[in-house]
Amino acid sequence: GYPLLANGQSSALSPIRILALPLPLGYALTAEAA
């Protein structure tokens, strides 16, 4: 087990990550980059 939210690089609270939630992972990564 390992902290996820406390690992900042998970960007768990980033609005960019949250806005891309409706997309599948592969496409979400592209949407985040855009």
Full PDB file with SEQRES, HELIX, SHEET, SSBOND, CRYST1, ORIGX, SCALE, CONECT and MASTER records, all heavy atoms in Angstrom:
SEQRES   1 A   34  GLY TYR PRO LEU LEU ALA ASN GLY GLN SER SER ALA LEU          
SEQRES   2 A   34  SER PRO ILE ARG ILE LEU ALA LEU PRO LEU PRO LEU GLY          
SEQRES   3 A   34  TYR ALA LEU THR ALA GLU ALA ALA                              
HELIX    1 AA1 GLY A    8  SER A   10  5                                   3    
HELIX    2 AA2 PRO A   15  LEU A   19  1                                   5    
HELIX    3 AA3 LEU A   25  ALA A   33  1                                   9    
CRYST1    1.000    1.000    1.000  90.00  90.00  90.00 P 1           1          
ORIGX1      1.000000  0.000000  0.000000        0.00000                         
ORIGX2      0.000000  1.000000  0.000000        0.00000                         
ORIGX3      0.000000  0.000000  1.000000        0.00000                         
SCALE1      1.000000  0.000000  0.000000        0.00000                         
SCALE2      0.000000  1.000000  0.000000        0.00000                         
SCALE3      0.000000  0.000000  1.000000        0.00000                         
ATOM      1  N   GLY A   1       0.827  -1.199   0.000  1.00  0.00           N  
ATOM      2  CA  GLY A   1       0.000   0.000   0.000  1.00  0.00           C  
ATOM      3  C   GLY A   1       0.860   1.247   0.000  1.00  0.00           C  
ATOM      4  O   GLY A   1       1.983   1.245   0.518  1.00  0.00           O  
ATOM      5  N   TYR A   2       0.335   2.325  -0.587  1.00  0.00           N  
ATOM      6  CA  TYR A   2       1.139   3.545  -0.754  1.00  0.00           C  
ATOM      7  C   TYR A   2       0.185   4.726  -0.870  1.00  0.00           C  
ATOM      8  O   TYR A   2      -0.874   4.606  -1.505  1.00  0.00           O  
ATOM      9  CB  TYR A   2       1.990   3.403  -2.012  1.00  0.00           C  
ATOM     10  CG  TYR A   2       2.988   4.505  -2.241  1.00  0.00           C  
ATOM     11  CD1 TYR A   2       4.208   4.502  -1.581  1.00  0.00           C  
ATOM     12  CD2 TYR A   2       2.717   5.542  -3.128  1.00  0.00           C  
ATOM     13  CE1 TYR A   2       5.135   5.509  -1.794  1.00  0.00           C  
ATOM     14  CE2 TYR A   2       3.635   6.550  -3.343  1.00  0.00           C  
ATOM     15  CZ  TYR A   2       4.842   6.530  -2.674  1.00  0.00           C  
ATOM     16  OH  TYR A   2       5.764   7.536  -2.883  1.00  0.00           O  
ATOM     17  N   PRO A   3       0.517   5.877  -0.276  1.00  0.00           N  
ATOM     18  CA  PRO A   3      -0.370   7.039  -0.411  1.00  0.00           C  
ATOM     19  C   PRO A   3      -0.551   7.435  -1.875  1.00  0.00           C  
ATOM     20  O   PRO A   3       0.418   7.441  -2.642  1.00  0.00           O  
ATOM     21  CB  PRO A   3       0.365   8.139   0.373  1.00  0.00           C  
ATOM     22  CG  PRO A   3       1.229   7.399   1.337  1.00  0.00           C  
ATOM     23  CD  PRO A   3       1.661   6.156   0.622  1.00  0.00           C  
ATOM     24  N   LEU A   4      -1.766   7.747  -2.247  1.00  0.00           N  
ATOM     25  CA  LEU A   4      -2.052   8.184  -3.614  1.00  0.00           C  
ATOM     26  C   LEU A   4      -2.327   9.683  -3.659  1.00  0.00           C  
ATOM     27  O   LEU A   4      -1.664  10.415  -4.386  1.00  0.00           O  
ATOM     28  CB  LEU A   4      -3.248   7.408  -4.170  1.00  0.00           C  
ATOM     29  CG  LEU A   4      -3.623   7.710  -5.616  1.00  0.00           C  
ATOM     30  CD1 LEU A   4      -2.477   7.369  -6.559  1.00  0.00           C  
ATOM     31  CD2 LEU A   4      -4.882   6.927  -6.028  1.00  0.00           C  
ATOM     32  N   LEU A   5      -3.276  10.149  -2.859  1.00  0.00           N  
ATOM     33  CA  LEU A   5      -3.564  11.589  -2.852  1.00  0.00           C  
ATOM     34  C   LEU A   5      -2.365  12.377  -2.350  1.00  0.00           C  
ATOM     35  O   LEU A   5      -2.057  13.458  -2.856  1.00  0.00           O  
ATOM     36  CB  LEU A   5      -4.782  11.874  -1.965  1.00  0.00           C  
ATOM     37  CG  LEU A   5      -5.264  13.322  -1.917  1.00  0.00           C  
ATOM     38  CD1 LEU A   5      -5.693  13.788  -3.296  1.00  0.00           C  
ATOM     39  CD2 LEU A   5      -6.408  13.471  -0.928  1.00  0.00           C  
ATOM     40  N   ALA A   6      -1.645  11.819  -1.351  1.00  0.00           N  
ATOM     41  CA  ALA A   6      -0.472  12.508  -0.804  1.00  0.00           C  
ATOM     42  C   ALA A   6       0.710  12.458  -1.765  1.00  0.00           C  
ATOM     43  O   ALA A   6       1.689  13.182  -1.570  1.00  0.00           O  
ATOM     44  CB  ALA A   6      -0.077  11.893   0.531  1.00  0.00           C  
ATOM     45  N   ASN A   7       0.625  11.606  -2.767  1.00  0.00           N  
ATOM     46  CA  ASN A   7       1.610  11.617  -3.846  1.00  0.00           C  
ATOM     47  C   ASN A   7       1.152  12.670  -4.845  1.00  0.00           C  
ATOM     48  O   ASN A   7       0.283  12.421  -5.686  1.00  0.00           O  
ATOM     49  CB  ASN A   7       1.687  10.236  -4.503  1.00  0.00           C  
ATOM     50  CG  ASN A   7       2.476  10.246  -5.798  1.00  0.00           C  
ATOM     51  OD1 ASN A   7       3.208  11.194  -6.087  1.00  0.00           O  
ATOM     52  ND2 ASN A   7       2.335   9.208  -6.584  1.00  0.00           N  
ATOM     53  N   GLY A   8       1.728  13.849  -4.748  1.00  0.00           N  
ATOM     54  CA  GLY A   8       1.254  14.965  -5.562  1.00  0.00           C  
ATOM     55  C   GLY A   8       1.192  14.660  -7.037  1.00  0.00           C  
ATOM     56  O   GLY A   8       0.323  15.163  -7.756  1.00  0.00           O  
ATOM     57  N   GLN A   9       2.105  13.814  -7.523  1.00  0.00           N  
ATOM     58  CA  GLN A   9       2.166  13.574  -8.957  1.00  0.00           C  
ATOM     59  C   GLN A   9       1.003  12.728  -9.476  1.00  0.00           C  
ATOM     60  O   GLN A   9       0.876  12.533 -10.679  1.00  0.00           O  
ATOM     61  CB  GLN A   9       3.500  12.933  -9.335  1.00  0.00           C  
ATOM     62  CG  GLN A   9       4.684  13.879  -9.123  1.00  0.00           C  
ATOM     63  CD  GLN A   9       5.943  13.381  -9.774  1.00  0.00           C  
ATOM     64  OE1 GLN A   9       6.175  13.579 -10.955  1.00  0.00           O  
ATOM     65  NE2 GLN A   9       6.781  12.717  -8.994  1.00  0.00           N  
ATOM     66  N   SER A  10       0.150  12.269  -8.574  1.00  0.00           N  
ATOM     67  CA  SER A  10      -1.087  11.643  -9.040  1.00  0.00           C  
ATOM     68  C   SER A  10      -2.057  12.696  -9.579  1.00  0.00           C  
ATOM     69  O   SER A  10      -3.013  12.350 -10.284  1.00  0.00           O  
ATOM     70  CB  SER A  10      -1.755  10.876  -7.901  1.00  0.00           C  
ATOM     71  OG  SER A  10      -2.254  11.769  -6.914  1.00  0.00           O  
ATOM     72  N   SER A  11      -1.819  13.970  -9.233  1.00  0.00           N  
ATOM     73  CA  SER A  11      -2.671  15.089  -9.684  1.00  0.00           C  
ATOM     74  C   SER A  11      -4.146  14.797  -9.439  1.00  0.00           C  
ATOM     75  O   SER A  11      -5.005  15.167 -10.246  1.00  0.00           O  
ATOM     76  CB  SER A  11      -2.431  15.394 -11.169  1.00  0.00           C  
ATOM     77  OG  SER A  11      -1.095  15.744 -11.415  1.00  0.00           O  
ATOM     78  N   ALA A  12      -4.437  14.144  -8.334  1.00  0.00           N  
ATOM     79  CA  ALA A  12      -5.798  13.678  -8.077  1.00  0.00           C  
ATOM     80  C   ALA A  12      -6.807  14.814  -7.935  1.00  0.00           C  
ATOM     81  O   ALA A  12      -7.990  14.634  -8.218  1.00  0.00           O  
ATOM     82  CB  ALA A  12      -5.814  12.808  -6.819  1.00  0.00           C  
ATOM     83  N   LEU A  13      -6.356  15.982  -7.484  1.00  0.00           N  
ATOM     84  CA  LEU A  13      -7.260  17.112  -7.293  1.00  0.00           C  
ATOM     85  C   LEU A  13      -7.195  18.119  -8.430  1.00  0.00           C  
ATOM     86  O   LEU A  13      -7.870  19.144  -8.385  1.00  0.00           O  
ATOM     87  CB  LEU A  13      -6.940  17.819  -5.970  1.00  0.00           C  
ATOM     88  CG  LEU A  13      -7.154  16.995  -4.705  1.00  0.00           C  
ATOM     89  CD1 LEU A  13      -6.755  17.805  -3.475  1.00  0.00           C  
ATOM     90  CD2 LEU A  13      -8.595  16.529  -4.583  1.00  0.00           C  
ATOM     91  N   SER A  14      -6.377  17.844  -9.428  1.00  0.00           N  
ATOM     92  CA  SER A  14      -6.257  18.780 -10.546  1.00  0.00           C  
ATOM     93  C   SER A  14      -7.566  18.839 -11.322  1.00  0.00           C  
ATOM     94  O   SER A  14      -8.110  17.802 -11.712  1.00  0.00           O  
ATOM     95  CB  SER A  14      -5.124  18.346 -11.478  1.00  0.00           C  
ATOM     96  OG  SER A  14      -5.152  19.122 -12.666  1.00  0.00           O  
ATOM     97  N   PRO A  15      -8.085  20.041 -11.589  1.00  0.00           N  
ATOM     98  CA  PRO A  15      -9.321  20.131 -12.376  1.00  0.00           C  
ATOM     99  C   PRO A  15      -9.141  19.574 -13.783  1.00  0.00           C  
ATOM    100  O   PRO A  15     -10.094  19.099 -14.394  1.00  0.00           O  
ATOM    101  CB  PRO A  15      -9.613  21.641 -12.402  1.00  0.00           C  
ATOM    102  CG  PRO A  15      -8.307  22.297 -12.122  1.00  0.00           C  
ATOM    103  CD  PRO A  15      -7.581  21.374 -11.205  1.00  0.00           C  
ATOM    104  N   ILE A  16      -7.913  19.614 -14.299  1.00  0.00           N  
ATOM    105  CA  ILE A  16      -7.643  19.045 -15.623  1.00  0.00           C  
ATOM    106  C   ILE A  16      -7.911  17.543 -15.606  1.00  0.00           C  
ATOM    107  O   ILE A  16      -8.535  17.002 -16.529  1.00  0.00           O  
ATOM    108  CB  ILE A  16      -6.189  19.341 -16.038  1.00  0.00           C  
ATOM    109  CG1 ILE A  16      -5.995  20.851 -16.224  1.00  0.00           C  
ATOM    110  CG2 ILE A  16      -5.809  18.595 -17.308  1.00  0.00           C  
ATOM    111  CD1 ILE A  16      -4.560  21.262 -16.471  1.00  0.00           C  
ATOM    112  N   ARG A  17      -7.451  16.875 -14.549  1.00  0.00           N  
ATOM    113  CA  ARG A  17      -7.687  15.428 -14.437  1.00  0.00           C  
ATOM    114  C   ARG A  17      -9.162  15.128 -14.225  1.00  0.00           C  
ATOM    115  O   ARG A  17      -9.715  14.188 -14.807  1.00  0.00           O  
ATOM    116  CB  ARG A  17      -6.848  14.862 -13.299  1.00  0.00           C  
ATOM    117  CG  ARG A  17      -7.051  13.386 -13.015  1.00  0.00           C  
ATOM    118  CD  ARG A  17      -5.740  12.696 -12.824  1.00  0.00           C  
ATOM    119  NE  ARG A  17      -4.907  12.767 -14.013  1.00  0.00           N  
ATOM    120  CZ  ARG A  17      -3.583  12.614 -14.013  1.00  0.00           C  
ATOM    121  NH1 ARG A  17      -2.951  12.391 -12.878  1.00  0.00           N  
ATOM    122  NH2 ARG A  17      -2.901  12.683 -15.140  1.00  0.00           N  
ATOM    123  N   ILE A  18      -9.820  15.905 -13.398  1.00  0.00           N  
ATOM    124  CA  ILE A  18     -11.230  15.660 -13.086  1.00  0.00           C  
ATOM    125  C   ILE A  18     -12.117  15.907 -14.304  1.00  0.00           C  
ATOM    126  O   ILE A  18     -13.052  15.148 -14.576  1.00  0.00           O  
ATOM    127  CB  ILE A  18     -11.658  16.533 -11.893  1.00  0.00           C  
ATOM    128  CG1 ILE A  18     -10.927  16.061 -10.619  1.00  0.00           C  
ATOM    129  CG2 ILE A  18     -13.168  16.476 -11.688  1.00  0.00           C  
ATOM    130  CD1 ILE A  18     -11.097  16.957  -9.428  1.00  0.00           C  
ATOM    131  N   LEU A  19     -11.800  16.943 -15.086  1.00  0.00           N  
ATOM    132  CA  LEU A  19     -12.598  17.235 -16.275  1.00  0.00           C  
ATOM    133  C   LEU A  19     -12.483  16.134 -17.329  1.00  0.00           C  
ATOM    134  O   LEU A  19     -13.386  15.968 -18.156  1.00  0.00           O  
ATOM    135  CB  LEU A  19     -12.168  18.574 -16.878  1.00  0.00           C  
ATOM    136  CG  LEU A  19     -12.603  19.825 -16.118  1.00  0.00           C  
ATOM    137  CD1 LEU A  19     -11.937  21.066 -16.700  1.00  0.00           C  
ATOM    138  CD2 LEU A  19     -14.124  19.968 -16.148  1.00  0.00           C  
ATOM    139  N   ALA A  20     -11.382  15.402 -17.316  1.00  0.00           N  
ATOM    140  CA  ALA A  20     -11.182  14.344 -18.308  1.00  0.00           C  
ATOM    141  C   ALA A  20     -11.756  13.001 -17.865  1.00  0.00           C  
ATOM    142  O   ALA A  20     -11.630  12.009 -18.586  1.00  0.00           O  
ATOM    143  CB  ALA A  20      -9.694  14.199 -18.609  1.00  0.00           C  
ATOM    144  N   LEU A  21     -12.402  12.933 -16.697  1.00  0.00           N  
ATOM    145  CA  LEU A  21     -12.921  11.661 -16.181  1.00  0.00           C  
ATOM    146  C   LEU A  21     -13.911  10.962 -17.120  1.00  0.00           C  
ATOM    147  O   LEU A  21     -13.918   9.726 -17.181  1.00  0.00           O  
ATOM    148  CB  LEU A  21     -13.588  11.885 -14.819  1.00  0.00           C  
ATOM    149  CG  LEU A  21     -12.659  12.121 -13.627  1.00  0.00           C  
ATOM    150  CD1 LEU A  21     -13.473  12.373 -12.362  1.00  0.00           C  
ATOM    151  CD2 LEU A  21     -11.720  10.940 -13.421  1.00  0.00           C  
ATOM    152  N   PRO A  22     -14.757  11.678 -17.852  1.00  0.00           N  
ATOM    153  CA  PRO A  22     -15.711  10.957 -18.717  1.00  0.00           C  
ATOM    154  C   PRO A  22     -15.045  10.167 -19.844  1.00  0.00           C  
ATOM    155  O   PRO A  22     -15.696   9.294 -20.427  1.00  0.00           O  
ATOM    156  CB  PRO A  22     -16.586  12.087 -19.287  1.00  0.00           C  
ATOM    157  CG  PRO A  22     -16.474  13.198 -18.284  1.00  0.00           C  
ATOM    158  CD  PRO A  22     -15.060  13.118 -17.803  1.00  0.00           C  
ATOM    159  N   LEU A  23     -13.802  10.448 -20.160  1.00  0.00           N  
ATOM    160  CA  LEU A  23     -13.123   9.786 -21.269  1.00  0.00           C  
ATOM    161  C   LEU A  23     -12.364   8.551 -20.796  1.00  0.00           C  
ATOM    162  O   LEU A  23     -11.904   8.500 -19.656  1.00  0.00           O  
ATOM    163  CB  LEU A  23     -12.139  10.752 -21.932  1.00  0.00           C  
ATOM    164  CG  LEU A  23     -12.726  12.034 -22.536  1.00  0.00           C  
ATOM    165  CD1 LEU A  23     -11.602  12.951 -23.003  1.00  0.00           C  
ATOM    166  CD2 LEU A  23     -13.672  11.707 -23.685  1.00  0.00           C  
ATOM    167  N   PRO A  24     -12.193   7.556 -21.650  1.00  0.00           N  
ATOM    168  CA  PRO A  24     -11.316   6.416 -21.318  1.00  0.00           C  
ATOM    169  C   PRO A  24      -9.894   6.909 -21.070  1.00  0.00           C  
ATOM    170  O   PRO A  24      -9.490   7.974 -21.566  1.00  0.00           O  
ATOM    171  CB  PRO A  24     -11.388   5.540 -22.574  1.00  0.00           C  
ATOM    172  CG  PRO A  24     -12.636   5.952 -23.272  1.00  0.00           C  
ATOM    173  CD  PRO A  24     -12.828   7.408 -22.961  1.00  0.00           C  
ATOM    174  N   LEU A  25      -9.117   6.133 -20.342  1.00  0.00           N  
ATOM    175  CA  LEU A  25      -7.791   6.565 -19.902  1.00  0.00           C  
ATOM    176  C   LEU A  25      -6.916   7.067 -21.042  1.00  0.00           C  
ATOM    177  O   LEU A  25      -6.341   8.159 -20.958  1.00  0.00           O  
ATOM    178  CB  LEU A  25      -7.084   5.417 -19.172  1.00  0.00           C  
ATOM    179  CG  LEU A  25      -5.638   5.703 -18.720  1.00  0.00           C  
ATOM    180  CD1 LEU A  25      -5.607   6.830 -17.700  1.00  0.00           C  
ATOM    181  CD2 LEU A  25      -5.012   4.433 -18.151  1.00  0.00           C  
ATOM    182  N   GLY A  26      -6.780   6.287 -22.106  1.00  0.00           N  
ATOM    183  CA  GLY A  26      -5.901   6.689 -23.199  1.00  0.00           C  
ATOM    184  C   GLY A  26      -6.299   8.010 -23.813  1.00  0.00           C  
ATOM    185  O   GLY A  26      -5.447   8.876 -24.071  1.00  0.00           O  
ATOM    186  N   TYR A  27      -7.594   8.195 -24.042  1.00  0.00           N  
ATOM    187  CA  TYR A  27      -8.070   9.449 -24.614  1.00  0.00           C  
ATOM    188  C   TYR A  27      -8.023  10.586 -23.598  1.00  0.00           C  
ATOM    189  O   TYR A  27      -7.825  11.751 -23.949  1.00  0.00           O  
ATOM    190  CB  TYR A  27      -9.489   9.280 -25.141  1.00  0.00           C  
ATOM    191  CG  TYR A  27      -9.626   8.241 -26.229  1.00  0.00           C  
ATOM    192  CD1 TYR A  27     -10.824   7.559 -26.429  1.00  0.00           C  
ATOM    193  CD2 TYR A  27      -8.546   7.921 -27.057  1.00  0.00           C  
ATOM    194  CE1 TYR A  27     -10.952   6.598 -27.426  1.00  0.00           C  
ATOM    195  CE2 TYR A  27      -8.663   6.969 -28.054  1.00  0.00           C  
ATOM    196  CZ  TYR A  27      -9.867   6.300 -28.236  1.00  0.00           C  
ATOM    197  OH  TYR A  27      -9.988   5.363 -29.216  1.00  0.00           O  
ATOM    198  N   ALA A  28      -8.212  10.248 -22.326  1.00  0.00           N  
ATOM    199  CA  ALA A  28      -8.163  11.269 -21.279  1.00  0.00           C  
ATOM    200  C   ALA A  28      -6.779  11.905 -21.196  1.00  0.00           C  
ATOM    201  O   ALA A  28      -6.653  13.112 -20.962  1.00  0.00           O  
ATOM    202  CB  ALA A  28      -8.541  10.660 -19.933  1.00  0.00           C  
ATOM    203  N   LEU A  29      -5.730  11.107 -21.389  1.00  0.00           N  
ATOM    204  CA  LEU A  29      -4.374  11.654 -21.352  1.00  0.00           C  
ATOM    205  C   LEU A  29      -4.174  12.675 -22.449  1.00  0.00           C  
ATOM    206  O   LEU A  29      -3.511  13.713 -22.258  1.00  0.00           O  
ATOM    207  CB  LEU A  29      -3.357  10.515 -21.476  1.00  0.00           C  
ATOM    208  CG  LEU A  29      -3.351   9.509 -20.329  1.00  0.00           C  
ATOM    209  CD1 LEU A  29      -2.438   8.338 -20.667  1.00  0.00           C  
ATOM    210  CD2 LEU A  29      -2.930  10.169 -19.025  1.00  0.00           C  
ATOM    211  N   THR A  30      -4.733  12.410 -23.626  1.00  0.00           N  
ATOM    212  CA  THR A  30      -4.659  13.377 -24.725  1.00  0.00           C  
ATOM    213  C   THR A  30      -5.472  14.619 -24.398  1.00  0.00           C  
ATOM    214  O   THR A  30      -5.029  15.750 -24.652  1.00  0.00           O  
ATOM    215  CB  THR A  30      -5.173  12.740 -26.024  1.00  0.00           C  
ATOM    216  OG1 THR A  30      -4.330  11.644 -26.374  1.00  0.00           O  
ATOM    217  CG2 THR A  30      -5.164  13.750 -27.156  1.00  0.00           C  
ATOM    218  N   ALA A  31      -6.669  14.434 -23.843  1.00  0.00           N  
ATOM    219  CA  ALA A  31      -7.502  15.582 -23.483  1.00  0.00           C  
ATOM    220  C   ALA A  31      -6.806  16.451 -22.445  1.00  0.00           C  
ATOM    221  O   ALA A  31      -6.843  17.689 -22.519  1.00  0.00           O  
ATOM    222  CB  ALA A  31      -8.853  15.101 -22.951  1.00  0.00           C  
ATOM    223  N   GLU A  32      -6.163  15.819 -21.463  1.00  0.00           N  
ATOM    224  CA  GLU A  32      -5.430  16.579 -20.453  1.00  0.00           C  
ATOM    225  C   GLU A  32      -4.304  17.384 -21.098  1.00  0.00           C  
ATOM    226  O   GLU A  32      -4.092  18.559 -20.757  1.00  0.00           O  
ATOM    227  CB  GLU A  32      -4.858  15.633 -19.395  1.00  0.00           C  
ATOM    228  CG  GLU A  32      -5.904  15.026 -18.475  1.00  0.00           C  
ATOM    229  CD  GLU A  32      -5.281  14.137 -17.410  1.00  0.00           C  
ATOM    230  OE1 GLU A  32      -4.054  14.249 -17.178  1.00  0.00           O  
ATOM    231  OE2 GLU A  32      -6.014  13.337 -16.795  1.00  0.00           O  
ATOM    232  N   ALA A  33      -3.573  16.774 -22.009  1.00  0.00           N  
ATOM    233  CA  ALA A  33      -2.493  17.485 -22.691  1.00  0.00           C  
ATOM    234  C   ALA A  33      -3.041  18.681 -23.464  1.00  0.00           C  
ATOM    235  O   ALA A  33      -2.464  19.781 -23.425  1.00  0.00           O  
ATOM    236  CB  ALA A  33      -1.759  16.531 -23.640  1.00  0.00           C  
ATOM    237  N   ALA A  34      -4.170  18.490 -24.154  1.00  0.00           N  
ATOM    238  CA  ALA A  34      -4.785  19.580 -24.910  1.00  0.00           C  
ATOM    239  C   ALA A  34      -5.227  20.709 -23.985  1.00  0.00           C  
ATOM    240  O   ALA A  34      -5.034  21.896 -24.289  1.00  0.00           O  
ATOM    241  CB  ALA A  34      -5.973  19.047 -25.710  1.00  0.00           C  
TER     242      ALA A  34                                                      
MASTER        0    0    0    3    0    0    0    6  241    1    0    3          
END                                                                             
